[in-house]
Amino acid sequence: LVWYFPQSFMKMCKTLGAGINPVTAFSGLVALAKVTQQIGLIGWVCTLAKPDSAQAAVRFLLASISEAAVQQWVLAGLLIAAGQALNLSIYRAIGKDGVYYGFKLGHPVPWCTDFPFNAGFRHPQYVGGMLSQLGVFSLLATSVTLNAGLLAFLAYWFALYAITSYMEASGDNDEHKD
């Protein structure tokens, strides 16, 4: 909605209440979506044990994570650290307005060629997000979750990031390049 119909989103923000900044509203929606994704993933893992109670589901989840091998913990830590370093670098480079489509929502966002945009990939925030998510998935990778379709879940998640990256590349902030 926001990418293709920014004027409609800005109008909706204005209608909902005076002073609602569309970038702030969109960042809140993105945060809600990310939390919902993680809750969905955790909920899916919890249901694999076919628990008879919420407590049993949580015990299964905690047992799955606590039984992860040292290599899984190291891999998860490295992936999450690298991913979050990219994400923090994005905020430093282009700020909240740049991260949350500010240039589409009436905020000036200068073109940036500094790190992480010079790291060799067009969408470092999505690379960072996927690295972080891959770290989470690596902790959840057990024989039960893998047999239940964890890799398909991960492939789906990667596909969503790829589609969003493609969508954004089709109408990027290129007109503001120096």
C-alpha atoms as a PDB file:
ATOM      1  CA  LEU A   1       0.000   0.000   0.000  1.00  0.00           C
ATOM      2  CA  VAL A   2       2.610   2.522   1.086  1.00  0.00           C
ATOM      3  CA  TRP A   3       5.016   1.871  -1.791  1.00  0.00           C
ATOM      4  CA  TYR A   4       2.454   2.105  -4.578  1.00  0.00           C
ATOM      5  CA  PHE A   5      -0.079   4.454  -2.981  1.00  0.00           C
ATOM      6  CA  PRO A   6       1.869   6.812  -0.700  1.00  0.00           C
ATOM      7  CA  GLN A   7      -0.609   9.661  -1.142  1.00  0.00           C
ATOM      8  CA  SER A   8      -3.445   7.432   0.064  1.00  0.00           C
ATOM      9  CA  PHE A   9      -1.401   6.356   3.077  1.00  0.00           C
ATOM     10  CA  MET A  10      -0.567   9.974   3.937  1.00  0.00           C
ATOM     11  CA  LYS A  11      -4.255  10.899   3.600  1.00  0.00           C
ATOM     12  CA  MET A  12      -5.224   7.997   5.866  1.00  0.00           C
ATOM     13  CA  CYS A  13      -2.690   9.146   8.484  1.00  0.00           C
ATOM     14  CA  LYS A  14      -4.079  12.662   8.322  1.00  0.00           C
ATOM     15  CA  THR A  15      -7.672  11.390   8.607  1.00  0.00           C
ATOM     16  CA  LEU A  16      -6.880   9.192  11.620  1.00  0.00           C
ATOM     17  CA  GLY A  17      -5.492  12.023  13.662  1.00  0.00           C
ATOM     18  CA  ALA A  18      -3.822  15.363  13.463  1.00  0.00           C
ATOM     19  CA  GLY A  19      -0.091  15.159  13.653  1.00  0.00           C
ATOM     20  CA  ILE A  20       0.348  11.490  12.720  1.00  0.00           C
ATOM     21  CA  ASN A  21       3.625  11.383  10.837  1.00  0.00           C
ATOM     22  CA  PRO A  22       3.250   8.866   7.971  1.00  0.00           C
ATOM     23  CA  VAL A  23       6.855   7.662   8.405  1.00  0.00           C
ATOM     24  CA  THR A  24       6.252   7.045  12.109  1.00  0.00           C
ATOM     25  CA  ALA A  25       2.961   5.299  11.347  1.00  0.00           C
ATOM     26  CA  PHE A  26       4.598   3.080   8.734  1.00  0.00           C
ATOM     27  CA  SER A  27       7.536   2.239  11.014  1.00  0.00           C
ATOM     28  CA  GLY A  28       5.027   1.185  13.663  1.00  0.00           C
ATOM     29  CA  LEU A  29       3.219  -1.045  11.173  1.00  0.00           C
ATOM     30  CA  VAL A  30       6.516  -2.616  10.114  1.00  0.00           C
ATOM     31  CA  ALA A  31       7.449  -3.270  13.756  1.00  0.00           C
ATOM     32  CA  LEU A  32       4.046  -4.866  14.331  1.00  0.00           C
ATOM     33  CA  ALA A  33       4.531  -7.049  11.244  1.00  0.00           C
ATOM     34  CA  LYS A  34       7.996  -8.171  12.422  1.00  0.00           C
ATOM     35  CA  VAL A  35       6.693  -9.050  15.893  1.00  0.00           C
ATOM     36  CA  THR A  36       3.786 -10.937  14.320  1.00  0.00           C
ATOM     37  CA  GLN A  37       6.204 -12.878  12.088  1.00  0.00           C
ATOM     38  CA  GLN A  38       8.320 -13.929  15.053  1.00  0.00           C
ATOM     39  CA  ILE A  39       5.282 -14.893  17.134  1.00  0.00           C
ATOM     40  CA  GLY A  40       4.021 -16.925  14.175  1.00  0.00           C
ATOM     41  CA  LEU A  41       7.344 -18.725  13.838  1.00  0.00           C
ATOM     42  CA  ILE A  42       7.552 -19.454  17.551  1.00  0.00           C
ATOM     43  CA  GLY A  43       3.903 -20.535  17.597  1.00  0.00           C
ATOM     44  CA  TRP A  44       4.525 -22.886  14.688  1.00  0.00           C
ATOM     45  CA  VAL A  45       7.465 -24.493  16.501  1.00  0.00           C
ATOM     46  CA  CYS A  46       5.383 -24.835  19.658  1.00  0.00           C
ATOM     47  CA  THR A  47       2.594 -26.661  17.814  1.00  0.00           C
ATOM     48  CA  LEU A  48       4.998 -29.299  16.494  1.00  0.00           C
ATOM     49  CA  ALA A  49       5.066 -30.985  19.880  1.00  0.00           C
ATOM     50  CA  LYS A  50       1.270 -31.330  19.749  1.00  0.00           C
ATOM     51  CA  PRO A  51       1.171 -29.964  23.280  1.00  0.00           C
ATOM     52  CA  ASP A  52      -1.780 -30.428  25.588  1.00  0.00           C
ATOM     53  CA  SER A  53      -1.158 -27.032  27.195  1.00  0.00           C
ATOM     54  CA  ALA A  54       0.548 -23.728  26.608  1.00  0.00           C
ATOM     55  CA  GLN A  55       3.115 -24.682  29.249  1.00  0.00           C
ATOM     56  CA  ALA A  56       3.989 -27.875  27.356  1.00  0.00           C
ATOM     57  CA  ALA A  57       4.382 -25.869  24.152  1.00  0.00           C
ATOM     58  CA  VAL A  58       6.758 -23.419  25.818  1.00  0.00           C
ATOM     59  CA  ARG A  59       8.725 -26.286  27.385  1.00  0.00           C
ATOM     60  CA  PHE A  60       9.102 -27.861  23.928  1.00  0.00           C
ATOM     61  CA  LEU A  61      10.304 -24.580  22.430  1.00  0.00           C
ATOM     62  CA  LEU A  62      12.801 -23.968  25.228  1.00  0.00           C
ATOM     63  CA  ALA A  63      14.047 -27.567  25.069  1.00  0.00           C
ATOM     64  CA  SER A  64      14.528 -27.257  21.303  1.00  0.00           C
ATOM     65  CA  ILE A  65      16.608 -24.117  21.667  1.00  0.00           C
ATOM     66  CA  SER A  66      18.560 -25.297  24.697  1.00  0.00           C
ATOM     67  CA  GLU A  67      19.504 -28.519  22.906  1.00  0.00           C
ATOM     68  CA  ALA A  68      21.041 -26.594  19.996  1.00  0.00           C
ATOM     69  CA  ALA A  69      24.669 -27.512  19.436  1.00  0.00           C
ATOM     70  CA  VAL A  70      27.427 -25.044  20.243  1.00  0.00           C
ATOM     71  CA  GLN A  71      27.996 -24.620  16.506  1.00  0.00           C
ATOM     72  CA  GLN A  72      24.359 -23.588  16.063  1.00  0.00           C
ATOM     73  CA  TRP A  73      24.697 -20.981  18.822  1.00  0.00           C
ATOM     74  CA  VAL A  74      27.925 -19.618  17.316  1.00  0.00           C
ATOM     75  CA  LEU A  75      26.397 -19.519  13.839  1.00  0.00           C
ATOM     76  CA  ALA A  76      23.244 -17.861  15.154  1.00  0.00           C
ATOM     77  CA  GLY A  77      25.272 -15.268  17.058  1.00  0.00           C
ATOM     78  CA  LEU A  78      27.424 -14.431  14.052  1.00  0.00           C
ATOM     79  CA  LEU A  79      24.478 -14.205  11.662  1.00  0.00           C
ATOM     80  CA  ILE A  80      22.381 -12.090  14.011  1.00  0.00           C
ATOM     81  CA  ALA A  81      25.332  -9.805  14.832  1.00  0.00           C
ATOM     82  CA  ALA A  82      26.170  -9.290  11.135  1.00  0.00           C
ATOM     83  CA  GLY A  83      22.527  -8.720  10.258  1.00  0.00           C
ATOM     84  CA  GLN A  84      21.957  -6.222  13.020  1.00  0.00           C
ATOM     85  CA  ALA A  85      25.207  -4.418  12.191  1.00  0.00           C
ATOM     86  CA  LEU A  86      23.863  -3.889   8.669  1.00  0.00           C
ATOM     87  CA  ASN A  87      20.492  -2.755  10.001  1.00  0.00           C
ATOM     88  CA  LEU A  88      22.042  -0.290  12.447  1.00  0.00           C
ATOM     89  CA  SER A  89      24.282   1.004   9.658  1.00  0.00           C
ATOM     90  CA  ILE A  90      21.214   1.670   7.522  1.00  0.00           C
ATOM     91  CA  TYR A  91      19.673   3.807  10.239  1.00  0.00           C
ATOM     92  CA  ARG A  92      22.939   5.712  10.654  1.00  0.00           C
ATOM     93  CA  ALA A  93      23.267   6.235   6.899  1.00  0.00           C
ATOM     94  CA  ILE A  94      19.731   7.298   5.929  1.00  0.00           C
ATOM     95  CA  GLY A  95      17.780   7.597   9.176  1.00  0.00           C
ATOM     96  CA  LYS A  96      14.227   6.617   9.915  1.00  0.00           C
ATOM     97  CA  ASP A  97      12.895   8.642   6.977  1.00  0.00           C
ATOM     98  CA  GLY A  98      15.134   6.741   4.586  1.00  0.00           C
ATOM     99  CA  VAL A  99      14.372   3.327   6.036  1.00  0.00           C
ATOM    100  CA  TYR A 100      10.589   3.768   6.042  1.00  0.00           C
ATOM    101  CA  TYR A 101       9.955   5.194   2.559  1.00  0.00           C
ATOM    102  CA  GLY A 102      10.210   8.805   3.638  1.00  0.00           C
ATOM    103  CA  PHE A 103      10.975   9.931   0.095  1.00  0.00           C
ATOM    104  CA  LYS A 104       7.591   8.500  -0.933  1.00  0.00           C
ATOM    105  CA  LEU A 105       5.887  10.069   2.094  1.00  0.00           C
ATOM    106  CA  GLY A 106       7.018  13.651   1.560  1.00  0.00           C
ATOM    107  CA  HIS A 107      10.323  13.628   3.448  1.00  0.00           C
ATOM    108  CA  PRO A 108      13.591  14.478   1.719  1.00  0.00           C
ATOM    109  CA  VAL A 109      16.015  11.567   1.778  1.00  0.00           C
ATOM    110  CA  PRO A 110      19.406  12.224   0.188  1.00  0.00           C
ATOM    111  CA  TRP A 111      20.990   9.484  -1.888  1.00  0.00           C
ATOM    112  CA  CYS A 112      23.638   7.618   0.092  1.00  0.00           C
ATOM    113  CA  THR A 113      26.678   5.828  -1.291  1.00  0.00           C
ATOM    114  CA  ASP A 114      28.474   5.286   2.037  1.00  0.00           C
ATOM    115  CA  PHE A 115      28.443   2.059   4.052  1.00  0.00           C
ATOM    116  CA  PRO A 116      26.410  -0.109   3.964  1.00  0.00           C
ATOM    117  CA  PHE A 117      25.269   0.936   0.487  1.00  0.00           C
ATOM    118  CA  ASN A 118      28.774   0.410  -0.864  1.00  0.00           C
ATOM    119  CA  ALA A 119      28.968  -3.173   0.453  1.00  0.00           C
ATOM    120  CA  GLY A 120      28.035  -4.735  -2.880  1.00  0.00           C
ATOM    121  CA  PHE A 121      24.292  -5.262  -2.575  1.00  0.00           C
ATOM    122  CA  ARG A 122      21.447  -2.886  -3.323  1.00  0.00           C
ATOM    123  CA  HIS A 123      19.314  -3.560  -0.270  1.00  0.00           C
ATOM    124  CA  PRO A 124      21.596  -4.007   2.747  1.00  0.00           C
ATOM    125  CA  GLN A 125      18.669  -3.711   5.157  1.00  0.00           C
ATOM    126  CA  TYR A 126      17.026  -6.773   3.645  1.00  0.00           C
ATOM    127  CA  VAL A 127      20.318  -8.633   3.648  1.00  0.00           C
ATOM    128  CA  GLY A 128      20.660  -7.699   7.333  1.00  0.00           C
ATOM    129  CA  GLY A 129      17.118  -8.810   8.057  1.00  0.00           C
ATOM    130  CA  MET A 130      17.644 -12.133   6.347  1.00  0.00           C
ATOM    131  CA  LEU A 131      20.971 -12.747   8.083  1.00  0.00           C
ATOM    132  CA  SER A 132      19.280 -12.093  11.430  1.00  0.00           C
ATOM    133  CA  GLN A 133      16.368 -14.343  10.549  1.00  0.00           C
ATOM    134  CA  LEU A 134      18.735 -17.041   9.359  1.00  0.00           C
ATOM    135  CA  GLY A 135      20.371 -16.867  12.785  1.00  0.00           C
ATOM    136  CA  VAL A 136      17.005 -17.427  14.469  1.00  0.00           C
ATOM    137  CA  PHE A 137      16.213 -20.299  12.098  1.00  0.00           C
ATOM    138  CA  SER A 138      19.579 -21.901  12.823  1.00  0.00           C
ATOM    139  CA  LEU A 139      18.684 -22.087  16.513  1.00  0.00           C
ATOM    140  CA  LEU A 140      15.317 -23.606  15.709  1.00  0.00           C
ATOM    141  CA  ALA A 141      16.757 -26.224  13.342  1.00  0.00           C
ATOM    142  CA  THR A 142      16.083 -29.594  14.922  1.00  0.00           C
ATOM    143  CA  SER A 143      15.114 -32.879  13.329  1.00  0.00           C
ATOM    144  CA  VAL A 144      11.500 -32.173  14.296  1.00  0.00           C
ATOM    145  CA  THR A 145      11.383 -28.660  12.804  1.00  0.00           C
ATOM    146  CA  LEU A 146      13.339 -29.619   9.691  1.00  0.00           C
ATOM    147  CA  ASN A 147      11.051 -32.589   9.018  1.00  0.00           C
ATOM    148  CA  ALA A 148       8.023 -30.379   9.584  1.00  0.00           C
ATOM    149  CA  GLY A 149       9.117 -27.875   6.923  1.00  0.00           C
ATOM    150  CA  LEU A 150      11.409 -25.314   8.516  1.00  0.00           C
ATOM    151  CA  LEU A 151      13.445 -24.997   5.305  1.00  0.00           C
ATOM    152  CA  ALA A 152      10.285 -24.351   3.265  1.00  0.00           C
ATOM    153  CA  PHE A 153       9.326 -21.687   5.798  1.00  0.00           C
ATOM    154  CA  LEU A 154      12.778 -20.126   5.403  1.00  0.00           C
ATOM    155  CA  ALA A 155      12.560 -20.254   1.592  1.00  0.00           C
ATOM    156  CA  TYR A 156       9.183 -18.509   1.748  1.00  0.00           C
ATOM    157  CA  TRP A 157      10.654 -15.813   3.998  1.00  0.00           C
ATOM    158  CA  PHE A 158      13.588 -15.319   1.605  1.00  0.00           C
ATOM    159  CA  ALA A 159      11.156 -15.074  -1.319  1.00  0.00           C
ATOM    160  CA  LEU A 160       9.203 -12.304   0.419  1.00  0.00           C
ATOM    161  CA  TYR A 161      12.408 -10.314   0.960  1.00  0.00           C
ATOM    162  CA  ALA A 162      13.408 -10.854  -2.680  1.00  0.00           C
ATOM    163  CA  ILE A 163      10.003  -9.721  -3.957  1.00  0.00           C
ATOM    164  CA  THR A 164      10.091  -6.622  -1.780  1.00  0.00           C
ATOM    165  CA  SER A 165      13.638  -5.827  -2.933  1.00  0.00           C
ATOM    166  CA  TYR A 166      12.578  -6.171  -6.563  1.00  0.00           C
ATOM    167  CA  MET A 167       9.527  -3.983  -5.964  1.00  0.00           C
ATOM    168  CA  GLU A 168      11.640  -1.280  -4.358  1.00  0.00           C
ATOM    169  CA  ALA A 169      14.269  -1.410  -7.082  1.00  0.00           C
ATOM    170  CA  SER A 170      11.548  -0.692  -9.631  1.00  0.00           C
ATOM    171  CA  GLY A 171      10.798   2.698  -8.086  1.00  0.00           C
ATOM    172  CA  ASP A 172      13.775   3.602  -5.964  1.00  0.00           C
ATOM    173  CA  ASN A 173      14.882   7.041  -4.887  1.00  0.00           C
ATOM    174  CA  ASP A 174      17.180   7.184  -7.938  1.00  0.00           C
ATOM    175  CA  GLU A 175      16.070  10.655  -8.911  1.00  0.00           C
ATOM    176  CA  HIS A 176      17.863  11.992  -5.816  1.00  0.00           C
ATOM    177  CA  LYS A 177      21.275  10.629  -6.797  1.00  0.00           C
ATOM    178  CA  ASP A 178      24.012  13.232  -6.865  1.00  0.00           C
END
